[in-house]
Amino acid sequence: MTVDPQYLDRAARSLLTALGDLPRLTGRPPCAEAPHLFDACREDEPPPAALARWQAAEEICLDCPLLSRCLPLTRERGASGVYAGLVTGISLRVPVPPSVLEYRSTRSGRSAWAMTRDERRRRARRRLRLTNARRHTQTEAAA
């Protein structure tokens, strides 16, 4: 069955475009079976429902044979939703796995997507280790 792209919403069109550029498979990619799971958050959808959808999509992506090819394609096209197991196009600076996302109130009283506290701490520790290693290397080079 062929679907005319003019009848699809923007997120579905971007997914079909990204999938159209991939090499032909003998079967359909796993994400084609439930494309609605990979859509960006809709205005009428509560954030917990979107997060549950994205987590289901992440599980599908992690088992997909095309995982390594998916994210570069979507970065070029600027699409939003779940690609290669990462949520793109939300208020965070980088694509992140849905498993480390939460929707919480900010200090200003508004709500926003954010990484979980454990993930923020893990990334901060990693940055600190990298910074210390860089400083150690520079100190050794200067000596």
N, C-alpha and C. Protein backbone atom coordinates (compact mmCIF):
# COMPACT_ATOMS: atom_id res chain seq x y z
N MET A 1 0.84 -1.18 0.00
CA MET A 1 0.00 0.00 0.00
C MET A 1 0.89 1.24 0.00
N THR A 2 0.60 2.17 -0.89
CA THR A 2 1.34 3.42 -0.96
C THR A 2 0.47 4.53 -0.40
N VAL A 3 1.08 5.37 0.43
CA VAL A 3 0.36 6.49 1.04
C VAL A 3 0.83 7.77 0.38
N ASP A 4 -0.11 8.60 -0.01
CA ASP A 4 0.24 9.89 -0.60
C ASP A 4 0.76 10.80 0.51
N PRO A 5 2.03 11.31 0.40
CA PRO A 5 2.62 12.11 1.48
C PRO A 5 1.85 13.37 1.83
N GLN A 6 1.04 13.90 0.92
CA GLN A 6 0.32 15.14 1.24
C GLN A 6 -0.72 14.94 2.33
N TYR A 7 -1.10 13.69 2.61
CA TYR A 7 -2.10 13.42 3.64
C TYR A 7 -1.49 13.10 5.00
N LEU A 8 -0.19 13.16 5.11
CA LEU A 8 0.47 12.85 6.38
C LEU A 8 0.87 14.13 7.10
N ASP A 9 0.96 14.07 8.42
CA ASP A 9 1.43 15.23 9.16
C ASP A 9 2.95 15.36 8.99
N ARG A 10 3.51 16.47 9.44
CA ARG A 10 4.92 16.78 9.22
C ARG A 10 5.86 15.73 9.79
N ALA A 11 5.58 15.24 11.00
CA ALA A 11 6.46 14.25 11.63
C ALA A 11 6.48 12.95 10.83
N ALA A 12 5.32 12.52 10.37
CA ALA A 12 5.25 11.29 9.59
C ALA A 12 5.97 11.46 8.25
N ARG A 13 5.83 12.64 7.63
CA ARG A 13 6.54 12.89 6.36
C ARG A 13 8.05 12.85 6.56
N SER A 14 8.54 13.44 7.66
CA SER A 14 9.99 13.44 7.89
C SER A 14 10.49 12.02 8.13
N LEU A 15 9.71 11.20 8.82
CA LEU A 15 10.11 9.81 9.04
C LEU A 15 10.12 9.04 7.73
N LEU A 16 9.09 9.22 6.90
CA LEU A 16 9.06 8.53 5.61
C LEU A 16 10.21 8.98 4.72
N THR A 17 10.54 10.26 4.76
CA THR A 17 11.66 10.76 3.96
C THR A 17 12.96 10.13 4.42
N ALA A 18 13.18 10.09 5.73
CA ALA A 18 14.40 9.49 6.27
C ALA A 18 14.47 8.01 5.92
N LEU A 19 13.36 7.31 6.03
CA LEU A 19 13.35 5.88 5.72
C LEU A 19 13.51 5.63 4.23
N GLY A 20 13.02 6.56 3.41
CA GLY A 20 13.14 6.41 1.96
C GLY A 20 14.57 6.46 1.48
N ASP A 21 15.44 7.14 2.20
CA ASP A 21 16.85 7.25 1.81
C ASP A 21 17.68 6.05 2.24
N LEU A 22 17.13 5.18 3.06
CA LEU A 22 17.88 4.02 3.56
C LEU A 22 17.90 2.92 2.50
N PRO A 23 18.89 2.06 2.56
CA PRO A 23 18.94 0.96 1.60
C PRO A 23 17.72 0.05 1.75
N ARG A 24 17.35 -0.57 0.66
CA ARG A 24 16.18 -1.46 0.67
C ARG A 24 16.46 -2.70 1.51
N LEU A 25 15.48 -3.08 2.29
CA LEU A 25 15.58 -4.28 3.12
C LEU A 25 14.67 -5.35 2.55
N THR A 26 14.87 -6.58 2.98
CA THR A 26 13.96 -7.64 2.54
C THR A 26 12.61 -7.49 3.24
N GLY A 27 12.61 -6.91 4.42
CA GLY A 27 11.38 -6.65 5.15
C GLY A 27 11.33 -5.19 5.55
N ARG A 28 10.30 -4.83 6.26
CA ARG A 28 10.18 -3.45 6.72
C ARG A 28 11.02 -3.25 7.97
N PRO A 29 11.57 -2.02 8.16
CA PRO A 29 12.29 -1.76 9.41
C PRO A 29 11.31 -1.79 10.58
N PRO A 30 11.78 -2.11 11.76
CA PRO A 30 10.88 -2.23 12.91
C PRO A 30 10.07 -0.96 13.20
N CYS A 31 10.64 0.21 12.94
CA CYS A 31 9.92 1.46 13.24
C CYS A 31 8.73 1.68 12.30
N ALA A 32 8.72 1.03 11.15
CA ALA A 32 7.61 1.20 10.21
C ALA A 32 6.34 0.53 10.71
N GLU A 33 6.47 -0.39 11.66
CA GLU A 33 5.30 -1.09 12.19
C GLU A 33 4.48 -0.22 13.14
N ALA A 34 5.11 0.73 13.80
CA ALA A 34 4.41 1.62 14.75
C ALA A 34 4.98 3.03 14.65
N PRO A 35 4.80 3.72 13.52
CA PRO A 35 5.44 5.03 13.34
C PRO A 35 4.96 6.09 14.33
N HIS A 36 3.75 5.94 14.87
CA HIS A 36 3.24 6.94 15.81
C HIS A 36 4.08 7.02 17.09
N LEU A 37 4.78 5.94 17.44
CA LEU A 37 5.61 5.96 18.65
C LEU A 37 6.78 6.93 18.52
N PHE A 38 7.19 7.23 17.30
CA PHE A 38 8.39 8.02 17.05
C PHE A 38 8.10 9.50 16.83
N ASP A 39 6.84 9.89 16.84
CA ASP A 39 6.46 11.28 16.60
C ASP A 39 6.92 12.20 17.72
N ALA A 40 7.07 13.47 17.39
CA ALA A 40 7.36 14.49 18.40
C ALA A 40 6.13 14.65 19.30
N CYS A 41 6.30 15.31 20.42
CA CYS A 41 5.20 15.53 21.36
C CYS A 41 4.15 16.44 20.72
N ARG A 42 2.91 15.99 20.71
CA ARG A 42 1.83 16.79 20.14
C ARG A 42 1.30 17.75 21.20
N GLU A 43 0.72 18.85 20.76
CA GLU A 43 0.23 19.87 21.70
C GLU A 43 -0.85 19.34 22.62
N ASP A 44 -1.70 18.44 22.12
CA ASP A 44 -2.81 17.93 22.93
C ASP A 44 -2.43 16.70 23.75
N GLU A 45 -1.17 16.32 23.72
CA GLU A 45 -0.72 15.11 24.41
C GLU A 45 -0.03 15.45 25.72
N PRO A 46 -0.41 14.82 26.82
CA PRO A 46 0.28 15.07 28.09
C PRO A 46 1.73 14.55 28.01
N PRO A 47 2.68 15.28 28.60
CA PRO A 47 4.08 14.87 28.55
C PRO A 47 4.35 13.44 29.04
N PRO A 48 3.68 12.95 30.11
CA PRO A 48 3.94 11.55 30.50
C PRO A 48 3.57 10.54 29.41
N ALA A 49 2.51 10.84 28.65
CA ALA A 49 2.12 9.94 27.56
C ALA A 49 3.16 9.96 26.45
N ALA A 50 3.68 11.15 26.13
CA ALA A 50 4.73 11.25 25.11
C ALA A 50 5.98 10.50 25.56
N LEU A 51 6.33 10.64 26.82
CA LEU A 51 7.52 9.97 27.34
C LEU A 51 7.36 8.45 27.27
N ALA A 52 6.19 7.94 27.60
CA ALA A 52 5.94 6.50 27.51
C ALA A 52 6.06 6.02 26.07
N ARG A 53 5.53 6.80 25.13
CA ARG A 53 5.64 6.47 23.70
C ARG A 53 7.10 6.42 23.28
N TRP A 54 7.85 7.46 23.68
CA TRP A 54 9.26 7.55 23.30
C TRP A 54 10.08 6.41 23.89
N GLN A 55 9.76 5.99 25.10
CA GLN A 55 10.50 4.87 25.71
C GLN A 55 10.22 3.57 24.96
N ALA A 56 8.99 3.39 24.50
CA ALA A 56 8.67 2.21 23.68
C ALA A 56 9.43 2.28 22.35
N ALA A 57 9.51 3.48 21.77
CA ALA A 57 10.25 3.66 20.52
C ALA A 57 11.74 3.39 20.72
N GLU A 58 12.28 3.81 21.86
CA GLU A 58 13.70 3.58 22.15
C GLU A 58 14.01 2.08 22.16
N GLU A 59 13.13 1.28 22.74
CA GLU A 59 13.35 -0.17 22.77
C GLU A 59 13.36 -0.76 21.37
N ILE A 60 12.48 -0.26 20.51
CA ILE A 60 12.44 -0.73 19.12
C ILE A 60 13.73 -0.34 18.40
N CYS A 61 14.17 0.90 18.60
CA CYS A 61 15.39 1.39 17.94
C CYS A 61 16.62 0.59 18.35
N LEU A 62 16.72 0.25 19.61
CA LEU A 62 17.92 -0.43 20.09
C LEU A 62 18.08 -1.83 19.51
N ASP A 63 16.99 -2.42 19.00
CA ASP A 63 17.06 -3.73 18.35
C ASP A 63 17.13 -3.63 16.83
N CYS A 64 17.12 -2.43 16.28
CA CYS A 64 17.03 -2.23 14.83
C CYS A 64 18.40 -2.40 14.16
N PRO A 65 18.46 -3.10 13.02
CA PRO A 65 19.72 -3.24 12.31
C PRO A 65 20.19 -1.95 11.64
N LEU A 66 19.32 -0.97 11.50
CA LEU A 66 19.67 0.30 10.86
C LEU A 66 20.03 1.39 11.86
N LEU A 67 20.20 1.04 13.11
CA LEU A 67 20.44 2.02 14.16
C LEU A 67 21.58 2.98 13.82
N SER A 68 22.68 2.47 13.33
CA SER A 68 23.84 3.33 13.08
C SER A 68 23.62 4.30 11.92
N ARG A 69 22.68 4.00 11.03
CA ARG A 69 22.43 4.86 9.88
C ARG A 69 21.34 5.89 10.12
N CYS A 70 20.55 5.72 11.13
CA CYS A 70 19.36 6.54 11.33
C CYS A 70 19.65 7.95 11.83
N LEU A 71 20.45 8.10 12.86
CA LEU A 71 20.67 9.42 13.45
C LEU A 71 21.34 10.41 12.51
N PRO A 72 22.39 10.06 11.76
CA PRO A 72 22.97 11.05 10.85
C PRO A 72 21.97 11.58 9.82
N LEU A 73 21.10 10.72 9.33
CA LEU A 73 20.09 11.17 8.36
C LEU A 73 19.16 12.21 8.97
N THR A 74 18.71 11.98 10.17
CA THR A 74 17.75 12.89 10.77
C THR A 74 18.40 14.19 11.20
N ARG A 75 19.67 14.16 11.56
CA ARG A 75 20.35 15.41 11.91
C ARG A 75 20.42 16.32 10.70
N GLU A 76 20.65 15.74 9.53
CA GLU A 76 20.72 16.54 8.31
C GLU A 76 19.37 17.16 7.99
N ARG A 77 18.31 16.47 8.27
CA ARG A 77 16.98 16.96 7.91
C ARG A 77 16.34 17.82 8.99
N GLY A 78 16.90 17.83 10.16
CA GLY A 78 16.36 18.65 11.25
C GLY A 78 15.01 18.17 11.76
N ALA A 79 14.75 16.89 11.69
CA ALA A 79 13.46 16.35 12.13
C ALA A 79 13.38 16.30 13.65
N SER A 80 12.17 16.17 14.16
CA SER A 80 11.99 16.03 15.60
C SER A 80 11.20 14.76 15.87
N GLY A 81 11.46 14.16 17.02
CA GLY A 81 10.85 12.89 17.38
C GLY A 81 11.94 11.96 17.88
N VAL A 82 11.71 10.65 17.75
CA VAL A 82 12.70 9.67 18.18
C VAL A 82 13.37 9.07 16.95
N TYR A 83 14.68 9.17 16.91
CA TYR A 83 15.49 8.59 15.85
C TYR A 83 16.69 7.94 16.49
N ALA A 84 17.00 6.72 16.07
CA ALA A 84 18.15 5.98 16.59
C ALA A 84 18.11 5.89 18.12
N GLY A 85 16.92 5.82 18.68
CA GLY A 85 16.78 5.69 20.13
C GLY A 85 16.99 6.97 20.90
N LEU A 86 17.05 8.11 20.21
CA LEU A 86 17.27 9.40 20.87
C LEU A 86 16.14 10.36 20.52
N VAL A 87 15.74 11.17 21.50
CA VAL A 87 14.71 12.18 21.27
C VAL A 87 15.40 13.43 20.74
N THR A 88 14.94 13.92 19.60
CA THR A 88 15.49 15.13 19.00
C THR A 88 14.38 16.17 18.87
N GLY A 89 14.79 17.42 18.78
CA GLY A 89 13.83 18.49 18.52
C GLY A 89 13.05 18.98 19.73
N ILE A 90 13.47 18.63 20.95
CA ILE A 90 12.84 19.21 22.12
C ILE A 90 13.78 20.26 22.68
N SER A 91 13.48 20.82 23.81
CA SER A 91 14.21 21.98 24.32
C SER A 91 15.62 21.70 24.81
N LEU A 92 16.09 20.47 24.76
CA LEU A 92 17.46 20.17 25.18
C LEU A 92 18.43 20.44 24.03
N ARG A 93 19.67 20.71 24.36
CA ARG A 93 20.67 21.05 23.34
C ARG A 93 21.08 19.88 22.48
N VAL A 94 21.06 18.69 23.02
CA VAL A 94 21.53 17.51 22.29
C VAL A 94 20.46 16.43 22.33
N PRO A 95 20.45 15.53 21.34
CA PRO A 95 19.53 14.39 21.41
C PRO A 95 19.87 13.51 22.61
N VAL A 96 18.85 13.05 23.31
CA VAL A 96 19.06 12.21 24.50
C VAL A 96 18.13 11.00 24.45
N PRO A 97 18.51 9.90 25.09
CA PRO A 97 17.62 8.75 25.16
C PRO A 97 16.40 9.07 26.02
N PRO A 98 15.22 8.59 25.65
CA PRO A 98 14.02 8.84 26.46
C PRO A 98 14.14 8.29 27.87
N SER A 99 14.96 7.28 28.06
CA SER A 99 15.10 6.67 29.39
C SER A 99 15.74 7.62 30.41
N VAL A 100 16.36 8.71 29.96
CA VAL A 100 16.97 9.66 30.91
C VAL A 100 16.21 10.99 30.94
N LEU A 101 15.00 11.02 30.38
CA LEU A 101 14.20 12.25 30.35
C LEU A 101 13.14 12.26 31.44
N GLU A 102 12.80 13.46 31.86
CA GLU A 102 11.66 13.67 32.75
C GLU A 102 11.07 15.03 32.41
N TYR A 103 9.81 15.21 32.75
CA TYR A 103 9.13 16.48 32.54
C TYR A 103 8.89 17.05 33.92
N ARG A 104 9.52 18.18 34.22
CA ARG A 104 9.43 18.71 35.58
C ARG A 104 9.30 20.22 35.57
N SER A 105 8.93 20.76 36.72
CA SER A 105 8.80 22.20 36.88
C SER A 105 10.19 22.83 37.02
N THR A 106 10.35 23.98 36.41
CA THR A 106 11.61 24.71 36.53
C THR A 106 11.51 25.69 37.68
N ARG A 107 12.60 26.36 37.98
CA ARG A 107 12.60 27.34 39.07
C ARG A 107 11.65 28.49 38.80
N SER A 108 11.44 28.80 37.53
CA SER A 108 10.55 29.92 37.19
C SER A 108 9.08 29.52 37.26
N GLY A 109 8.80 28.25 37.55
CA GLY A 109 7.41 27.82 37.69
C GLY A 109 6.85 27.18 36.43
N ARG A 110 7.58 27.26 35.33
CA ARG A 110 7.13 26.61 34.10
C ARG A 110 7.60 25.16 34.09
N SER A 111 7.01 24.37 33.23
CA SER A 111 7.44 22.98 33.10
C SER A 111 8.26 22.82 31.83
N ALA A 112 9.20 21.90 31.86
CA ALA A 112 10.06 21.69 30.70
C ALA A 112 10.66 20.29 30.75
N TRP A 113 11.13 19.84 29.59
CA TRP A 113 11.84 18.57 29.52
C TRP A 113 13.22 18.77 30.10
N ALA A 114 13.69 17.78 30.84
CA ALA A 114 15.03 17.84 31.42
C ALA A 114 15.55 16.42 31.59
N MET A 115 16.87 16.32 31.71
CA MET A 115 17.45 15.02 32.00
C MET A 115 17.23 14.72 33.48
N THR A 116 17.15 13.46 33.81
CA THR A 116 16.98 13.08 35.21
C THR A 116 18.20 13.51 36.01
N ARG A 117 18.02 13.66 37.30
CA ARG A 117 19.11 14.11 38.17
C ARG A 117 20.31 13.15 38.08
N ASP A 118 20.05 11.86 38.06
CA ASP A 118 21.15 10.88 37.97
C ASP A 118 21.94 11.07 36.68
N GLU A 119 21.24 11.31 35.57
CA GLU A 119 21.94 11.50 34.30
C GLU A 119 22.75 12.79 34.29
N ARG A 120 22.19 13.86 34.87
CA ARG A 120 22.95 15.12 34.93
C ARG A 120 24.21 14.94 35.76
N ARG A 121 24.10 14.22 36.87
CA ARG A 121 25.28 13.97 37.72
C ARG A 121 26.31 13.11 36.99
N ARG A 122 25.85 12.08 36.29
CA ARG A 122 26.75 11.21 35.55
C ARG A 122 27.51 12.00 34.49
N ARG A 123 26.80 12.86 33.77
CA ARG A 123 27.46 13.67 32.74
C ARG A 123 28.41 14.69 33.34
N ALA A 124 28.06 15.25 34.49
CA ALA A 124 28.95 16.21 35.16
C ALA A 124 30.23 15.52 35.62
N ARG A 125 30.10 14.31 36.17
CA ARG A 125 31.30 13.56 36.59
C ARG A 125 32.18 13.23 35.38
N ARG A 126 31.57 12.89 34.27
CA ARG A 126 32.34 12.58 33.06
C ARG A 126 33.08 13.82 32.57
N ARG A 127 32.39 14.97 32.55
CA ARG A 127 33.05 16.22 32.14
C ARG A 127 34.22 16.54 33.05
N LEU A 128 34.04 16.34 34.36
CA LEU A 128 35.11 16.61 35.31
C LEU A 128 36.32 15.69 35.07
N ARG A 129 36.05 14.40 34.84
CA ARG A 129 37.14 13.47 34.55
C ARG A 129 37.89 13.88 33.29
N LEU A 130 37.15 14.27 32.24
CA LEU A 130 37.80 14.69 30.99
C LEU A 130 38.61 15.96 31.19
N THR A 131 38.07 16.90 31.95
CA THR A 131 38.79 18.15 32.22
C THR A 131 40.07 17.87 33.01
N ASN A 132 39.98 17.05 34.03
CA ASN A 132 41.17 16.70 34.83
C ASN A 132 42.21 15.96 33.99
N ALA A 133 41.77 15.06 33.14
CA ALA A 133 42.70 14.34 32.28
C ALA A 133 43.40 15.29 31.32
N ARG A 134 42.64 16.25 30.78
CA ARG A 134 43.22 17.24 29.86
C ARG A 134 44.25 18.10 30.59
N ARG A 135 43.92 18.53 31.79
CA ARG A 135 44.87 19.34 32.58
C ARG A 135 46.13 18.55 32.89
N HIS A 136 45.96 17.29 33.25
CA HIS A 136 47.11 16.43 33.58
C HIS A 136 48.01 16.28 32.35
N THR A 137 47.41 16.09 31.18
CA THR A 137 48.18 15.95 29.94
C THR A 137 48.93 17.24 29.63
N GLN A 138 48.27 18.39 29.81
CA GLN A 138 48.91 19.68 29.54
C GLN A 138 50.06 19.92 30.51
N THR A 139 49.88 19.53 31.78
CA THR A 139 50.94 19.71 32.78
C THR A 139 52.16 18.86 32.43
N GLU A 140 51.91 17.62 32.02
CA GLU A 140 53.02 16.74 31.64
C GLU A 140 53.74 17.25 30.40
N ALA A 141 52.99 17.80 29.45
CA ALA A 141 53.60 18.32 28.22
C ALA A 141 54.45 19.55 28.51
N ALA A 142 54.03 20.37 29.48
CA ALA A 142 54.78 21.58 29.82
C ALA A 142 56.05 21.25 30.60
N ALA A 143 56.07 20.13 31.30
CA ALA A 143 57.24 19.76 32.13
C ALA A 143 58.37 19.17 31.33
